[in-house]
Amino acid sequence: MSQRYSKAFKEQAISKVLQRGDKTIQCIADELNVNLFTLKNWLKKPRTTPMTDTPMNKRPADWSMAERFALLMESVALEGEALNAFCRQHGIFPHHLDVWKDVYQENRQSRTIRKIPIRQVFTG
């Protein structure tokens, strides 16, 4: 007996696959308890609504550095369910914010390293 999935479920599954980051489609299929080939068939079918550049349809990797920074600043005081709701609203997951925060901190630390001219190193 084949299982029927609602249109909303299919759209959410497709969205999750498109925003999967480093995860495989098989991993997403397992998380959703959907057959891998069923999920791939959903991806192949033409979408009734066009994929625009709205936050919900934008992959986390496609956000610019300025957009990422703005989201980090907006979410800095959020925790728990409030953070999860914020992420859902913007089409991202909390781990994306964690990764972006780490990247900004690494960039900031690398910029604060003071470069000393070679002449000063040898002459003291």
Protein backbone atom coordinates (compact mmCIF):
# COMPACT_ATOMS: atom_id res chain seq x y z
CA MET A 1 0.00 0.00 0.00
CA SER A 2 1.45 3.34 -1.00
CA GLN A 3 1.38 6.27 1.35
CA ARG A 4 -0.05 9.63 0.30
CA TYR A 5 1.72 12.80 1.39
CA SER A 6 0.11 16.22 1.59
CA LYS A 7 1.22 18.97 -0.77
CA ALA A 8 2.47 21.00 2.21
CA PHE A 9 4.60 18.06 3.41
CA LYS A 10 6.11 17.61 -0.05
CA GLU A 11 6.95 21.33 -0.29
CA GLN A 12 8.57 21.31 3.15
CA ALA A 13 10.55 18.19 2.25
CA ILE A 14 11.78 19.78 -0.99
CA SER A 15 12.71 22.95 0.89
CA LYS A 16 14.64 20.92 3.46
CA VAL A 17 16.55 19.11 0.70
CA LEU A 18 17.41 22.39 -1.01
CA GLN A 19 18.70 23.80 2.29
CA ARG A 20 20.43 20.64 3.46
CA GLY A 21 23.96 22.02 3.63
CA ASP A 22 26.40 19.12 3.94
CA LYS A 23 23.72 16.48 4.49
CA THR A 24 22.92 13.96 1.79
CA ILE A 25 19.48 13.54 0.29
CA GLN A 26 19.46 10.05 1.82
CA CYS A 27 19.98 11.57 5.27
CA ILE A 28 17.06 13.96 4.76
CA ALA A 29 14.90 11.10 3.46
CA ASP A 30 15.72 9.08 6.58
CA GLU A 31 14.89 12.05 8.84
CA LEU A 32 11.53 12.48 7.12
CA ASN A 33 10.88 8.73 6.94
CA VAL A 34 10.39 8.98 3.17
CA ASN A 35 11.82 6.69 0.51
CA LEU A 36 14.88 8.22 -1.16
CA PHE A 37 13.51 7.73 -4.67
CA THR A 38 10.16 9.25 -3.71
CA LEU A 39 11.97 12.35 -2.47
CA LYS A 40 14.08 12.52 -5.64
CA ASN A 41 10.95 12.24 -7.78
CA TRP A 42 9.42 15.19 -5.92
CA LEU A 43 12.55 17.19 -6.71
CA LYS A 44 12.27 16.35 -10.43
CA LYS A 45 8.65 17.46 -10.76
CA PRO A 46 8.02 21.04 -11.82
CA ARG A 47 6.98 23.28 -8.97
CA THR A 48 3.64 25.03 -9.09
CA THR A 49 5.07 28.07 -7.30
CA PRO A 50 8.29 29.59 -8.59
CA MET A 51 11.34 29.53 -6.36
CA THR A 52 12.05 33.19 -5.73
CA ASP A 53 14.72 34.88 -3.67
CA THR A 54 12.54 35.11 -0.59
CA PRO A 55 14.23 34.07 2.65
CA MET A 56 12.24 30.83 2.82
CA ASN A 57 13.46 29.74 -0.62
CA LYS A 58 17.02 30.93 -0.29
CA ARG A 59 19.67 28.41 0.65
CA PRO A 60 21.78 29.36 3.67
CA ALA A 61 24.88 29.23 1.47
CA ASP A 62 23.37 31.93 -0.77
CA TRP A 63 23.06 34.55 1.99
CA SER A 64 25.57 37.39 1.60
CA MET A 65 27.97 38.23 4.42
CA ALA A 66 25.95 41.36 5.21
CA GLU A 67 22.69 39.37 5.36
CA ARG A 68 24.31 36.78 7.61
CA PHE A 69 25.63 39.46 9.92
CA ALA A 70 22.20 41.13 10.09
CA LEU A 71 20.59 37.81 11.05
CA LEU A 72 23.24 37.21 13.69
CA MET A 73 22.60 40.64 15.18
CA GLU A 74 18.82 40.10 15.19
CA SER A 75 19.10 36.70 16.83
CA VAL A 76 21.78 37.41 19.43
CA ALA A 77 19.38 37.67 22.38
CA LEU A 78 17.09 34.81 21.33
CA GLU A 79 17.08 31.37 22.93
CA GLY A 80 15.08 28.17 22.78
CA GLU A 81 11.73 28.34 21.03
CA ALA A 82 12.10 32.04 20.22
CA LEU A 83 15.33 31.28 18.34
CA ASN A 84 13.71 28.34 16.56
CA ALA A 85 10.75 30.50 15.50
CA PHE A 86 13.14 33.19 14.23
CA CYS A 87 15.05 30.59 12.21
CA ARG A 88 11.85 29.15 10.72
CA GLN A 89 10.73 32.63 9.75
CA HIS A 90 13.97 33.20 7.85
CA GLY A 91 14.30 29.71 6.38
CA ILE A 92 17.44 28.73 8.28
CA PHE A 93 18.35 26.46 11.17
CA PRO A 94 20.08 27.41 14.45
CA HIS A 95 23.23 25.56 13.40
CA HIS A 96 23.60 27.96 10.45
CA LEU A 97 23.78 30.85 12.91
CA ASP A 98 26.39 28.97 14.96
CA VAL A 99 28.55 28.35 11.90
CA TRP A 100 28.22 31.96 10.70
CA LYS A 101 29.14 33.22 14.19
CA ASP A 102 32.26 31.03 14.22
CA VAL A 103 33.29 32.32 10.79
CA TYR A 104 32.93 35.95 11.90
CA GLN A 105 34.92 35.29 15.06
CA GLU A 106 37.70 33.60 13.08
CA ASN A 107 37.81 36.49 10.61
CA ARG A 108 37.85 39.02 13.42
CA GLN A 109 40.72 37.24 15.21
CA SER A 110 42.76 36.95 12.02
CA ARG A 111 42.36 40.70 11.41
CA THR A 112 43.50 41.64 14.92
CA ILE A 113 46.88 39.92 14.55
CA ARG A 114 49.33 42.76 14.26
CA LYS A 115 51.89 42.41 11.54
CA ILE A 116 55.34 43.52 12.66
CA PRO A 117 57.77 44.64 9.96
CA ILE A 118 60.72 42.27 9.53
CA ARG A 119 63.15 45.11 10.29
CA GLN A 120 61.73 45.48 13.83
CA VAL A 121 61.89 41.74 14.48
CA PHE A 122 65.65 41.54 13.81
CA THR A 123 66.65 44.89 15.33
CA GLY A 124 64.53 44.44 18.45
